[in-house]
Amino acid sequence: MIQRLDAYQTPPHWHPGRPWLVQTVWFCLGSPLLAARWLPGSPWRVLLLRAFGARIGAGCRLKPGVRVQLPWRLVVGDHCWLGEHAWFDNLALVTLGNRVCVSQGAYLCTGNHDFRSAGFEQRLAPISVGDDVWIAARAVLAPGTVVGPGAVIALAAVVSGVVPPGALLRGNPAVVMGQR
């Protein structure tokens, strides 16, 4: 079935999670500041995200170029690193455990569309990442992905589903290649 984009409607059960004014300030001011490459430093980025409702643990490092769609749907544990151009496309909740490294250009996507439906309905699912995980550069996590503690998602891997604790995944689609 071919999608009919003229028939698409935002799901009635979904809400961005904050009033219109907060969303507007985030998209016009907060998001561009967070991603700014000309402003170095992590502490102010952490404070900015917290000011918009993100729960960010102690000792986190956020690099320039980080993108967060909805900060109020982001939970980051202690001592995490969010690399340059990491993109949290979080229409649903994204939760990172402690000591998680999300490397350059990684993409965590919580929303998709049903291509089998003429209405192209939106499908959302949270992403959960356990403690001590490394998500390498350019890796992609699909909606609903659950990454077990200690896992490694290799360079440019495309992951969906459940990742076992301590597993090393690589490829597209990602497959378990061994243990950490």
N, C-alpha and C. Protein backbone atom coordinates (compact mmCIF):
# COMPACT_ATOMS: atom_id res chain seq x y z
N MET A 1 0.85 -1.18 0.00
CA MET A 1 0.00 0.00 0.00
C MET A 1 0.89 1.25 0.00
N ILE A 2 0.54 2.20 -0.80
CA ILE A 2 1.28 3.45 -0.89
C ILE A 2 0.70 4.45 0.11
N GLN A 3 1.60 5.16 0.78
CA GLN A 3 1.13 6.15 1.77
C GLN A 3 0.42 7.31 1.09
N ARG A 4 -0.61 7.79 1.76
CA ARG A 4 -1.34 8.97 1.31
C ARG A 4 -1.02 10.07 2.30
N LEU A 5 -0.01 10.85 1.99
CA LEU A 5 0.43 11.89 2.92
C LEU A 5 -0.63 12.96 3.13
N ASP A 6 -1.51 13.14 2.17
CA ASP A 6 -2.61 14.09 2.35
C ASP A 6 -3.59 13.61 3.42
N ALA A 7 -3.58 12.32 3.73
CA ALA A 7 -4.49 11.76 4.73
C ALA A 7 -3.85 11.66 6.12
N TYR A 8 -2.57 12.00 6.22
CA TYR A 8 -1.88 11.87 7.52
C TYR A 8 -2.45 12.84 8.54
N GLN A 9 -2.58 12.33 9.77
CA GLN A 9 -3.01 13.15 10.90
C GLN A 9 -2.12 12.83 12.09
N THR A 10 -1.77 13.85 12.85
CA THR A 10 -1.04 13.61 14.09
C THR A 10 -1.91 12.75 14.99
N PRO A 11 -1.35 11.71 15.57
CA PRO A 11 -2.16 10.84 16.43
C PRO A 11 -2.82 11.63 17.56
N PRO A 12 -4.10 11.40 17.80
CA PRO A 12 -4.80 12.15 18.85
C PRO A 12 -4.27 11.85 20.25
N HIS A 13 -3.66 10.70 20.45
CA HIS A 13 -3.15 10.32 21.77
C HIS A 13 -1.77 10.91 22.07
N TRP A 14 -1.11 11.47 21.05
CA TRP A 14 0.25 11.99 21.26
C TRP A 14 0.22 13.48 21.55
N HIS A 15 1.05 13.88 22.50
CA HIS A 15 1.22 15.29 22.82
C HIS A 15 2.71 15.54 23.03
N PRO A 16 3.24 16.68 22.58
CA PRO A 16 4.68 16.93 22.73
C PRO A 16 5.17 16.97 24.18
N GLY A 17 4.26 17.15 25.13
CA GLY A 17 4.67 17.06 26.53
C GLY A 17 4.92 18.37 27.23
N ARG A 18 4.87 19.46 26.54
CA ARG A 18 5.04 20.78 27.14
C ARG A 18 4.12 21.76 26.42
N PRO A 19 3.78 22.88 27.09
CA PRO A 19 2.94 23.90 26.45
C PRO A 19 3.62 24.49 25.21
N TRP A 20 2.81 25.07 24.36
CA TRP A 20 3.27 25.65 23.11
C TRP A 20 4.41 26.63 23.32
N LEU A 21 4.33 27.48 24.33
CA LEU A 21 5.36 28.49 24.57
C LEU A 21 6.71 27.85 24.90
N VAL A 22 6.71 26.82 25.73
CA VAL A 22 7.96 26.13 26.09
C VAL A 22 8.56 25.48 24.85
N GLN A 23 7.73 24.84 24.05
CA GLN A 23 8.22 24.23 22.81
C GLN A 23 8.85 25.27 21.89
N THR A 24 8.19 26.41 21.76
CA THR A 24 8.68 27.46 20.88
C THR A 24 10.02 28.01 21.36
N VAL A 25 10.14 28.25 22.66
CA VAL A 25 11.41 28.75 23.20
C VAL A 25 12.51 27.71 23.00
N TRP A 26 12.19 26.43 23.19
CA TRP A 26 13.19 25.39 22.96
C TRP A 26 13.64 25.39 21.50
N PHE A 27 12.70 25.35 20.57
CA PHE A 27 13.05 25.23 19.16
C PHE A 27 13.74 26.48 18.62
N CYS A 28 13.38 27.64 19.13
CA CYS A 28 13.96 28.89 18.61
C CYS A 28 15.24 29.31 19.32
N LEU A 29 15.40 28.95 20.59
CA LEU A 29 16.55 29.40 21.37
C LEU A 29 17.36 28.23 21.93
N GLY A 30 16.72 27.36 22.68
CA GLY A 30 17.43 26.29 23.37
C GLY A 30 18.14 25.32 22.45
N SER A 31 17.42 24.80 21.48
CA SER A 31 18.00 23.81 20.56
C SER A 31 19.18 24.38 19.76
N PRO A 32 19.05 25.58 19.17
CA PRO A 32 20.21 26.13 18.45
C PRO A 32 21.41 26.39 19.37
N LEU A 33 21.17 26.82 20.60
CA LEU A 33 22.28 27.03 21.53
C LEU A 33 22.96 25.71 21.88
N LEU A 34 22.17 24.68 22.16
CA LEU A 34 22.73 23.37 22.50
C LEU A 34 23.65 22.87 21.38
N ALA A 35 23.22 23.03 20.15
CA ALA A 35 23.98 22.52 19.00
C ALA A 35 25.13 23.42 18.57
N ALA A 36 25.20 24.63 19.11
CA ALA A 36 26.18 25.62 18.66
C ALA A 36 27.62 25.10 18.75
N ARG A 37 28.31 25.14 17.65
CA ARG A 37 29.71 24.70 17.61
C ARG A 37 30.64 25.82 18.07
N TRP A 38 30.19 27.05 18.04
CA TRP A 38 31.03 28.19 18.39
C TRP A 38 31.06 28.45 19.90
N LEU A 39 30.29 27.71 20.68
CA LEU A 39 30.28 27.85 22.14
C LEU A 39 30.81 26.56 22.77
N PRO A 40 32.06 26.55 23.21
CA PRO A 40 32.60 25.33 23.80
C PRO A 40 32.07 25.10 25.21
N GLY A 41 32.26 23.88 25.69
CA GLY A 41 31.95 23.58 27.08
C GLY A 41 30.73 22.71 27.28
N SER A 42 30.79 21.89 28.32
CA SER A 42 29.70 20.99 28.69
C SER A 42 28.79 21.52 29.78
N PRO A 43 29.34 22.15 30.84
CA PRO A 43 28.46 22.49 31.98
C PRO A 43 27.25 23.34 31.61
N TRP A 44 27.40 24.31 30.74
CA TRP A 44 26.27 25.14 30.37
C TRP A 44 25.27 24.36 29.54
N ARG A 45 25.74 23.39 28.73
CA ARG A 45 24.82 22.55 27.94
C ARG A 45 23.97 21.68 28.87
N VAL A 46 24.61 21.14 29.90
CA VAL A 46 23.87 20.34 30.89
C VAL A 46 22.80 21.21 31.55
N LEU A 47 23.18 22.41 31.97
CA LEU A 47 22.22 23.32 32.61
C LEU A 47 21.07 23.69 31.67
N LEU A 48 21.40 23.92 30.41
CA LEU A 48 20.38 24.26 29.42
C LEU A 48 19.36 23.13 29.28
N LEU A 49 19.85 21.92 29.12
CA LEU A 49 18.94 20.78 28.99
C LEU A 49 18.10 20.59 30.26
N ARG A 50 18.74 20.73 31.40
CA ARG A 50 17.99 20.61 32.66
C ARG A 50 16.91 21.69 32.77
N ALA A 51 17.22 22.90 32.32
CA ALA A 51 16.25 23.99 32.38
C ALA A 51 14.99 23.68 31.55
N PHE A 52 15.15 22.83 30.54
CA PHE A 52 14.01 22.44 29.71
C PHE A 52 13.46 21.06 30.08
N GLY A 53 13.86 20.54 31.23
CA GLY A 53 13.23 19.32 31.74
C GLY A 53 13.98 18.03 31.58
N ALA A 54 15.15 18.05 30.94
CA ALA A 54 15.94 16.82 30.85
C ALA A 54 16.48 16.47 32.22
N ARG A 55 16.61 15.19 32.47
CA ARG A 55 17.24 14.73 33.71
C ARG A 55 18.64 14.23 33.35
N ILE A 56 19.63 15.01 33.72
CA ILE A 56 21.03 14.74 33.37
C ILE A 56 21.80 14.50 34.66
N GLY A 57 22.50 13.38 34.73
CA GLY A 57 23.26 13.03 35.92
C GLY A 57 24.53 13.85 36.08
N ALA A 58 25.29 13.52 37.11
CA ALA A 58 26.53 14.22 37.43
C ALA A 58 27.65 13.83 36.47
N GLY A 59 28.54 14.77 36.22
CA GLY A 59 29.78 14.48 35.48
C GLY A 59 29.60 14.18 34.01
N CYS A 60 28.53 14.65 33.39
CA CYS A 60 28.30 14.37 31.97
C CYS A 60 29.03 15.38 31.08
N ARG A 61 29.47 14.90 29.93
CA ARG A 61 30.12 15.76 28.93
C ARG A 61 29.28 15.76 27.67
N LEU A 62 28.93 16.96 27.23
CA LEU A 62 28.14 17.13 26.02
C LEU A 62 28.95 17.96 25.03
N LYS A 63 29.18 17.40 23.88
CA LYS A 63 30.00 18.06 22.86
C LYS A 63 29.16 18.99 22.00
N PRO A 64 29.81 19.93 21.31
CA PRO A 64 29.08 20.80 20.39
C PRO A 64 28.38 19.98 19.30
N GLY A 65 27.26 20.47 18.87
CA GLY A 65 26.52 19.81 17.79
C GLY A 65 25.50 18.80 18.27
N VAL A 66 25.42 18.53 19.57
CA VAL A 66 24.42 17.60 20.08
C VAL A 66 23.03 18.14 19.78
N ARG A 67 22.14 17.25 19.32
CA ARG A 67 20.76 17.64 19.01
C ARG A 67 19.80 16.82 19.87
N VAL A 68 18.85 17.51 20.47
CA VAL A 68 17.82 16.86 21.27
C VAL A 68 16.47 17.42 20.82
N GLN A 69 15.60 16.54 20.36
CA GLN A 69 14.29 16.99 19.87
C GLN A 69 13.43 17.54 21.00
N LEU A 70 13.23 16.74 22.06
CA LEU A 70 12.40 17.14 23.18
C LEU A 70 13.15 16.85 24.48
N PRO A 71 13.81 17.85 25.07
CA PRO A 71 14.66 17.58 26.24
C PRO A 71 13.89 17.00 27.42
N TRP A 72 12.63 17.29 27.55
CA TRP A 72 11.84 16.77 28.67
C TRP A 72 11.58 15.28 28.52
N ARG A 73 12.00 14.68 27.41
CA ARG A 73 11.89 13.23 27.22
C ARG A 73 13.29 12.60 27.11
N LEU A 74 14.22 13.14 27.89
CA LEU A 74 15.59 12.63 27.90
C LEU A 74 16.05 12.43 29.34
N VAL A 75 16.53 11.22 29.64
CA VAL A 75 17.09 10.89 30.95
C VAL A 75 18.50 10.35 30.70
N VAL A 76 19.50 10.99 31.30
CA VAL A 76 20.90 10.61 31.12
C VAL A 76 21.50 10.36 32.49
N GLY A 77 22.12 9.20 32.67
CA GLY A 77 22.74 8.85 33.94
C GLY A 77 24.01 9.63 34.21
N ASP A 78 24.74 9.20 35.22
CA ASP A 78 25.99 9.87 35.62
C ASP A 78 27.14 9.52 34.69
N HIS A 79 28.03 10.49 34.51
CA HIS A 79 29.30 10.32 33.80
C HIS A 79 29.14 9.79 32.38
N CYS A 80 28.14 10.31 31.66
CA CYS A 80 27.92 9.95 30.26
C CYS A 80 28.61 10.95 29.35
N TRP A 81 28.93 10.50 28.16
CA TRP A 81 29.50 11.36 27.12
C TRP A 81 28.56 11.35 25.93
N LEU A 82 28.18 12.54 25.46
CA LEU A 82 27.35 12.67 24.26
C LEU A 82 28.20 13.39 23.22
N GLY A 83 28.57 12.67 22.18
CA GLY A 83 29.54 13.16 21.20
C GLY A 83 28.97 14.17 20.23
N GLU A 84 29.89 14.77 19.47
CA GLU A 84 29.52 15.77 18.47
C GLU A 84 28.50 15.19 17.49
N HIS A 85 27.46 15.96 17.26
CA HIS A 85 26.41 15.63 16.30
C HIS A 85 25.60 14.39 16.67
N ALA A 86 25.70 13.92 17.91
CA ALA A 86 24.77 12.87 18.35
C ALA A 86 23.37 13.46 18.31
N TRP A 87 22.42 12.68 17.81
CA TRP A 87 21.07 13.19 17.61
C TRP A 87 20.07 12.31 18.35
N PHE A 88 19.39 12.92 19.30
CA PHE A 88 18.34 12.25 20.08
C PHE A 88 17.00 12.72 19.52
N ASP A 89 16.46 11.95 18.58
CA ASP A 89 15.19 12.27 17.93
C ASP A 89 14.11 11.62 18.78
N ASN A 90 13.88 12.21 19.95
CA ASN A 90 13.13 11.56 21.03
C ASN A 90 11.70 12.09 21.17
N LEU A 91 10.85 11.66 20.28
CA LEU A 91 9.42 11.93 20.43
C LEU A 91 8.85 11.09 21.56
N ALA A 92 9.53 10.00 21.88
CA ALA A 92 9.25 9.18 23.06
C ALA A 92 10.50 9.24 23.95
N LEU A 93 10.40 8.68 25.13
CA LEU A 93 11.48 8.76 26.12
C LEU A 93 12.74 8.03 25.66
N VAL A 94 13.89 8.67 25.86
CA VAL A 94 15.20 8.03 25.71
C VAL A 94 15.85 8.05 27.08
N THR A 95 16.27 6.87 27.55
CA THR A 95 16.91 6.72 28.85
C THR A 95 18.29 6.11 28.66
N LEU A 96 19.31 6.81 29.15
CA LEU A 96 20.68 6.30 29.14
C LEU A 96 21.09 6.00 30.57
N GLY A 97 21.70 4.85 30.79
CA GLY A 97 22.21 4.50 32.12
C GLY A 97 23.46 5.30 32.45
N ASN A 98 24.20 4.84 33.43
CA ASN A 98 25.44 5.49 33.86
C ASN A 98 26.60 5.06 32.96
N ARG A 99 27.54 6.00 32.76
CA ARG A 99 28.77 5.74 32.02
C ARG A 99 28.51 5.26 30.59
N VAL A 100 27.55 5.88 29.94
CA VAL A 100 27.22 5.56 28.54
C VAL A 100 27.93 6.56 27.64
N CYS A 101 28.55 6.05 26.60
CA CYS A 101 29.18 6.91 25.59
C CYS A 101 28.37 6.81 24.31
N VAL A 102 27.82 7.94 23.87
CA VAL A 102 27.13 8.03 22.59
C VAL A 102 28.05 8.85 21.69
N SER A 103 28.69 8.18 20.75
CA SER A 103 29.74 8.81 19.94
C SER A 103 29.19 9.70 18.83
N GLN A 104 30.12 10.29 18.10
CA GLN A 104 29.83 11.28 17.07
C GLN A 104 28.83 10.75 16.04
N GLY A 105 27.81 11.57 15.81
CA GLY A 105 26.86 11.27 14.75
C GLY A 105 25.91 10.12 15.01
N ALA A 106 25.91 9.55 16.21
CA ALA A 106 24.96 8.48 16.50
C ALA A 106 23.54 9.05 16.45
N TYR A 107 22.59 8.22 16.05
CA TYR A 107 21.20 8.65 15.88
C TYR A 107 20.28 7.72 16.66
N LEU A 108 19.60 8.27 17.67
CA LEU A 108 18.65 7.51 18.46
C LEU A 108 17.26 7.99 18.09
N CYS A 109 16.50 7.14 17.41
CA CYS A 109 15.22 7.52 16.81
C CYS A 109 14.08 6.79 17.50
N THR A 110 13.15 7.52 18.09
CA THR A 110 12.03 6.90 18.80
C THR A 110 10.74 6.91 17.99
N GLY A 111 10.76 7.48 16.79
CA GLY A 111 9.53 7.57 16.01
C GLY A 111 9.72 7.13 14.57
N ASN A 112 8.66 6.56 14.04
CA ASN A 112 8.67 6.06 12.68
C ASN A 112 7.25 6.15 12.16
N HIS A 113 7.04 5.69 10.95
CA HIS A 113 5.70 5.65 10.37
C HIS A 113 5.42 4.26 9.84
N ASP A 114 4.15 3.88 9.82
CA ASP A 114 3.74 2.58 9.31
C ASP A 114 3.60 2.67 7.79
N PHE A 115 4.60 2.17 7.08
CA PHE A 115 4.60 2.26 5.62
C PHE A 115 3.56 1.36 4.98
N ARG A 116 3.00 0.43 5.75
CA ARG A 116 1.97 -0.46 5.23
C ARG A 116 0.57 0.17 5.27
N SER A 117 0.48 1.32 5.90
CA SER A 117 -0.80 2.00 6.08
C SER A 117 -0.93 3.19 5.15
N ALA A 118 -2.09 3.32 4.53
CA ALA A 118 -2.32 4.48 3.66
C ALA A 118 -2.25 5.78 4.45
N GLY A 119 -2.64 5.75 5.73
CA GLY A 119 -2.60 6.94 6.56
C GLY A 119 -1.23 7.28 7.10
N PHE A 120 -0.21 6.39 6.86
CA PHE A 120 1.17 6.63 7.27
C PHE A 120 1.26 6.96 8.75
N GLU A 121 0.48 6.21 9.57
CA GLU A 121 0.39 6.48 11.00
C GLU A 121 1.76 6.48 11.68
N GLN A 122 1.86 7.36 12.65
CA GLN A 122 3.09 7.49 13.43
C GLN A 122 3.16 6.34 14.43
N ARG A 123 4.37 5.77 14.59
CA ARG A 123 4.62 4.72 15.57
C ARG A 123 5.77 5.18 16.45
N LEU A 124 5.53 5.24 17.75
CA LEU A 124 6.54 5.70 18.70
C LEU A 124 6.86 4.60 19.69
N ALA A 125 8.12 4.53 20.09
CA ALA A 125 8.53 3.59 21.13
C ALA A 125 9.79 4.13 21.78
N PRO A 126 9.90 4.01 23.11
CA PRO A 126 11.07 4.53 23.83
C PRO A 126 12.32 3.72 23.52
N ILE A 127 13.46 4.31 23.82
CA ILE A 127 14.76 3.64 23.74
C ILE A 127 15.35 3.63 25.13
N SER A 128 15.89 2.48 25.52
CA SER A 128 16.52 2.33 26.84
C SER A 128 17.92 1.74 26.67
N VAL A 129 18.90 2.40 27.27
CA VAL A 129 20.30 1.97 27.16
C VAL A 129 20.83 1.74 28.57
N GLY A 130 21.35 0.55 28.83
CA GLY A 130 21.85 0.19 30.15
C GLY A 130 23.17 0.87 30.49
N ASP A 131 23.66 0.60 31.69
CA ASP A 131 24.94 1.15 32.15
C ASP A 131 26.10 0.62 31.32
N ASP A 132 27.15 1.43 31.23
CA ASP A 132 28.44 1.02 30.66
C ASP A 132 28.37 0.61 29.20
N VAL A 133 27.47 1.23 28.44
CA VAL A 133 27.31 0.93 27.02
C VAL A 133 28.10 1.94 26.20
N TRP A 134 28.65 1.47 25.09
CA TRP A 134 29.28 2.35 24.11
C TRP A 134 28.51 2.24 22.81
N ILE A 135 27.97 3.35 22.35
CA ILE A 135 27.33 3.44 21.05
C ILE A 135 28.30 4.21 20.16
N ALA A 136 28.92 3.51 19.24
CA ALA A 136 30.00 4.10 18.43
C ALA A 136 29.45 5.07 17.39
N ALA A 137 30.37 5.77 16.74
CA ALA A 137 30.04 6.81 15.77
C ALA A 137 29.11 6.28 14.67
N ARG A 138 28.15 7.12 14.31
CA ARG A 138 27.21 6.88 13.21
C ARG A 138 26.29 5.68 13.42
N ALA A 139 26.27 5.11 14.61
CA ALA A 139 25.34 4.01 14.89
C ALA A 139 23.91 4.55 14.95
N VAL A 140 22.95 3.70 14.67
CA VAL A 140 21.53 4.06 14.67
C VAL A 140 20.78 3.09 15.56
N LEU A 141 19.98 3.65 16.48
CA LEU A 141 19.09 2.83 17.31
C LEU A 141 17.67 3.14 16.91
N ALA A 142 16.91 2.09 16.58
CA ALA A 142 15.53 2.22 16.11
C ALA A 142 14.57 2.35 17.28
N PRO A 143 13.35 2.81 17.01
CA PRO A 143 12.35 2.89 18.07
C PRO A 143 12.17 1.55 18.78
N GLY A 144 12.07 1.62 20.11
CA GLY A 144 11.84 0.42 20.91
C GLY A 144 13.08 -0.37 21.26
N THR A 145 14.26 0.08 20.85
CA THR A 145 15.50 -0.64 21.14
C THR A 145 15.80 -0.62 22.63
N VAL A 146 16.24 -1.76 23.15
CA VAL A 146 16.67 -1.90 24.54
C VAL A 146 18.08 -2.48 24.51
N VAL A 147 19.04 -1.72 25.00
CA VAL A 147 20.45 -2.15 24.97
C VAL A 147 20.84 -2.56 26.38
N GLY A 148 21.27 -3.81 26.53
CA GLY A 148 21.67 -4.33 27.83
C GLY A 148 22.97 -3.73 28.32
N PRO A 149 23.19 -3.78 29.62
CA PRO A 149 24.41 -3.21 30.23
C PRO A 149 25.68 -3.78 29.60
N GLY A 150 26.67 -2.90 29.42
CA GLY A 150 27.98 -3.33 28.96
C GLY A 150 28.08 -3.63 27.47
N ALA A 151 27.03 -3.46 26.72
CA ALA A 151 27.06 -3.76 25.29
C ALA A 151 27.87 -2.71 24.53
N VAL A 152 28.32 -3.10 23.35
CA VAL A 152 29.01 -2.19 22.44
C VAL A 152 28.30 -2.25 21.09
N ILE A 153 27.87 -1.10 20.61
CA ILE A 153 27.26 -0.98 19.29
C ILE A 153 28.34 -0.37 18.39
N ALA A 154 28.84 -1.14 17.43
CA ALA A 154 29.99 -0.75 16.63
C ALA A 154 29.65 0.36 15.62
N LEU A 155 30.71 0.88 15.02
CA LEU A 155 30.64 1.94 14.03
C LEU A 155 29.56 1.67 12.99
N ALA A 156 28.62 2.60 12.85
CA ALA A 156 27.57 2.60 11.83
C ALA A 156 26.62 1.41 11.90
N ALA A 157 26.57 0.72 13.01
CA ALA A 157 25.62 -0.39 13.16
C ALA A 157 24.20 0.15 13.22
N VAL A 158 23.26 -0.62 12.72
CA VAL A 158 21.84 -0.27 12.76
C VAL A 158 21.13 -1.30 13.62
N VAL A 159 20.64 -0.84 14.78
CA VAL A 159 20.15 -1.74 15.82
C VAL A 159 18.67 -1.55 16.07
N SER A 160 17.97 -2.67 16.21
CA SER A 160 16.58 -2.65 16.66
C SER A 160 16.36 -3.88 17.53
N GLY A 161 15.39 -3.78 18.42
CA GLY A 161 15.08 -4.91 19.29
C GLY A 161 15.88 -4.88 20.57
N VAL A 162 16.14 -6.06 21.11
CA VAL A 162 16.82 -6.19 22.40
C VAL A 162 18.26 -6.63 22.18
N VAL A 163 19.19 -5.89 22.77
CA VAL A 163 20.62 -6.21 22.71
C VAL A 163 21.00 -6.86 24.03
N PRO A 164 21.55 -8.07 24.00
CA PRO A 164 21.92 -8.75 25.25
C PRO A 164 23.03 -8.01 26.00
N PRO A 165 23.07 -8.15 27.32
CA PRO A 165 24.15 -7.53 28.11
C PRO A 165 25.51 -7.98 27.61
N GLY A 166 26.44 -7.03 27.50
CA GLY A 166 27.82 -7.32 27.13
C GLY A 166 28.05 -7.70 25.68
N ALA A 167 27.01 -7.68 24.86
CA ALA A 167 27.15 -8.09 23.46
C ALA A 167 27.87 -7.03 22.65
N LEU A 168 28.60 -7.48 21.63
CA LEU A 168 29.23 -6.61 20.64
C LEU A 168 28.45 -6.78 19.36
N LEU A 169 27.82 -5.69 18.88
CA LEU A 169 27.02 -5.73 17.67
C LEU A 169 27.66 -4.89 16.59
N ARG A 170 27.56 -5.37 15.34
CA ARG A 170 28.00 -4.56 14.20
C ARG A 170 27.19 -4.95 12.98
N GLY A 171 27.16 -4.05 12.02
CA GLY A 171 26.51 -4.32 10.74
C GLY A 171 25.15 -3.66 10.60
N ASN A 172 24.58 -3.88 9.41
CA ASN A 172 23.25 -3.37 9.08
C ASN A 172 22.50 -4.45 8.30
N PRO A 173 21.56 -5.11 8.95
CA PRO A 173 21.15 -4.95 10.35
C PRO A 173 22.23 -5.50 11.29
N ALA A 174 22.27 -4.93 12.47
CA ALA A 174 23.31 -5.32 13.44
C ALA A 174 23.09 -6.76 13.90
N VAL A 175 24.19 -7.47 14.04
CA VAL A 175 24.18 -8.83 14.56
C VAL A 175 25.23 -8.94 15.67
N VAL A 176 25.01 -9.86 16.57
CA VAL A 176 25.97 -10.08 17.65
C VAL A 176 27.21 -10.75 17.07
N MET A 177 28.36 -10.11 17.31
CA MET A 177 29.64 -10.62 16.81
C MET A 177 30.50 -11.22 17.92
N GLY A 178 30.06 -11.09 19.14
CA GLY A 178 30.82 -11.62 20.27
C GLY A 178 30.44 -10.90 21.54
N GLN A 179 31.28 -11.06 22.55
CA GLN A 179 31.07 -10.44 23.85
C GLN A 179 32.17 -9.44 24.12
N ARG A 180 31.84 -8.45 24.92
CA ARG A 180 32.80 -7.42 25.28
C ARG A 180 33.89 -8.00 26.15
